[in-house]
Protein backbone atom coordinates (compact mmCIF):
# COMPACT_ATOMS: atom_id res chain seq x y z
CA MET A 1 -7.77 -1.08 11.88
CA LYS A 2 -11.24 0.02 13.01
CA CYS A 3 -11.95 1.50 9.58
CA VAL A 4 -10.96 -1.73 7.83
CA LYS A 5 -13.10 -3.80 10.22
CA GLU A 6 -16.11 -1.56 9.65
CA THR A 7 -15.68 -1.68 5.88
CA LEU A 8 -14.81 -5.32 5.13
CA SER A 9 -17.17 -8.23 5.56
CA GLU A 10 -16.57 -10.31 8.67
CA GLY A 11 -14.96 -13.10 6.64
CA SER A 12 -12.74 -10.74 4.63
CA PHE A 13 -11.63 -8.94 7.77
CA ALA A 14 -10.76 -12.24 9.48
CA ARG A 15 -8.66 -13.34 6.46
CA TRP A 16 -6.97 -9.93 6.26
CA LEU A 17 -6.19 -9.96 9.98
CA LYS A 18 -4.76 -13.49 9.76
CA ILE A 19 -2.43 -12.44 6.94
CA MET A 20 -1.39 -9.23 8.71
CA ASN A 21 -0.55 -11.18 11.89
CA SER A 22 1.20 -14.10 10.24
CA SER A 23 4.84 -14.72 10.97
CA TYR A 24 5.95 -14.00 7.41
CA THR A 25 4.54 -10.47 7.22
CA PHE A 26 7.25 -8.02 8.22
CA MET A 27 6.04 -4.48 7.68
CA ASP A 28 9.55 -3.06 7.92
CA GLU A 29 10.17 -4.71 4.53
CA LEU A 30 7.25 -2.81 3.02
CA CYS A 31 8.33 -0.11 0.56
CA HIS A 32 6.63 3.13 1.62
CA GLN A 33 6.61 4.37 -1.98
CA TYR A 34 4.35 1.40 -2.79
CA ILE A 35 1.99 2.48 -0.01
CA ASP A 36 2.06 6.02 -1.41
CA GLU A 37 1.07 4.67 -4.82
CA LEU A 38 -1.82 2.66 -3.38
CA ASN A 39 -2.96 5.59 -1.21
CA ILE A 40 -2.93 8.01 -4.13
CA LYS A 41 -4.89 5.64 -6.37
CA TYR A 42 -7.36 5.08 -3.53
CA LEU A 43 -7.79 8.78 -2.76
CA ARG A 44 -8.45 9.59 -6.41
CA MET A 45 -11.43 7.21 -6.45
CA ASN A 46 -14.91 8.38 -5.69
CA LYS A 47 -16.50 7.28 -2.40
CA GLU A 48 -18.36 4.32 -3.90
CA LYS A 49 -15.30 3.01 -5.69
CA ARG A 50 -13.17 3.43 -2.53
CA LEU A 51 -15.60 1.26 -0.56
CA LYS A 52 -15.53 -1.41 -3.26
CA ASN A 53 -11.72 -1.40 -3.47
CA LEU A 54 -10.71 -1.23 0.20
CA SER A 55 -10.71 -5.01 0.53
CA SER A 56 -8.46 -5.53 -2.49
CA ILE A 57 -6.06 -2.78 -1.39
CA ALA A 58 -5.88 -4.23 2.12
CA LYS A 59 -5.10 -7.64 0.63
CA ARG A 60 -2.40 -6.14 -1.60
CA ILE A 61 -0.77 -4.51 1.40
CA ALA A 62 -0.94 -7.73 3.42
CA GLY A 63 0.56 -9.70 0.52
CA PHE A 64 3.04 -7.04 -0.56
CA ARG A 65 5.93 -9.49 -0.84
CA PHE A 66 4.23 -11.20 -3.77
CA ASP A 67 2.75 -8.10 -5.43
CA ALA A 68 4.40 -7.35 -8.78
CA ASP A 69 3.98 -3.58 -8.33
CA HIS A 70 5.70 -3.71 -4.92
CA ILE A 71 8.56 -5.75 -6.32
CA ASP A 72 9.01 -3.33 -9.25
CA ILE A 73 8.83 -0.20 -7.10
CA LEU A 74 11.21 -1.64 -4.52
CA GLU A 75 13.78 -2.38 -7.23
CA VAL A 76 13.50 1.16 -8.64
CA VAL A 77 13.86 2.61 -5.14
CA LYS A 78 16.88 0.44 -4.31
CA VAL A 79 18.66 1.39 -7.55
CA ALA A 80 17.90 5.10 -7.07
CA ALA A 81 19.10 5.00 -3.46
CA ARG A 82 22.35 3.28 -4.45
CA GLU A 83 22.98 5.70 -7.33
CA ARG A 84 22.39 8.73 -5.11
CA GLY A 85 24.04 7.41 -1.97
CA ARG A 86 20.81 7.88 -0.03
CA GLY A 87 18.56 5.72 2.09
CA GLU A 88 15.59 4.05 0.42
CA GLY A 89 13.24 6.10 2.58
CA ASP A 90 14.68 9.31 1.10
CA ILE A 91 13.66 8.41 -2.46
CA ARG A 92 10.53 10.04 -3.88
CA LEU A 93 9.06 8.75 -7.10
CA GLU A 94 7.95 11.19 -9.78
CA GLY A 95 4.22 11.36 -10.30
CA LEU A 96 3.37 10.22 -6.78
CA ASP A 97 1.65 13.36 -5.60
CA TYR A 98 -1.22 13.25 -3.17
CA PRO A 99 -4.36 15.02 -4.37
CA GLU A 100 -4.94 18.51 -2.97
CA GLU A 101 -8.56 17.69 -2.22
CA VAL A 102 -10.31 14.42 -1.35
CA LEU A 103 -14.09 14.07 -1.45
CA TRP A 104 -15.15 11.87 1.45
């Protein structure tokens, strides 16, 4: 949270915090494969682009229930878990590989 506070403007951080603490945001409903996708995209950006995009990524995470990518990934994960008789958390999506090296 400290990193987000130090990176976002005061107003953006306050809005983000309000969303994250609202009664309708249940993080246990958040598909971790979606977070992996956002993390990987973020880590592949250069430092300047990461700073510019942190606010939008934080907002996407806070509003995950309405994010089309989250909805799509969650459906794929649910189908794959059902077909394989596994838990949703056991499903790994192809192409979601973290970079070996990140330039900070």
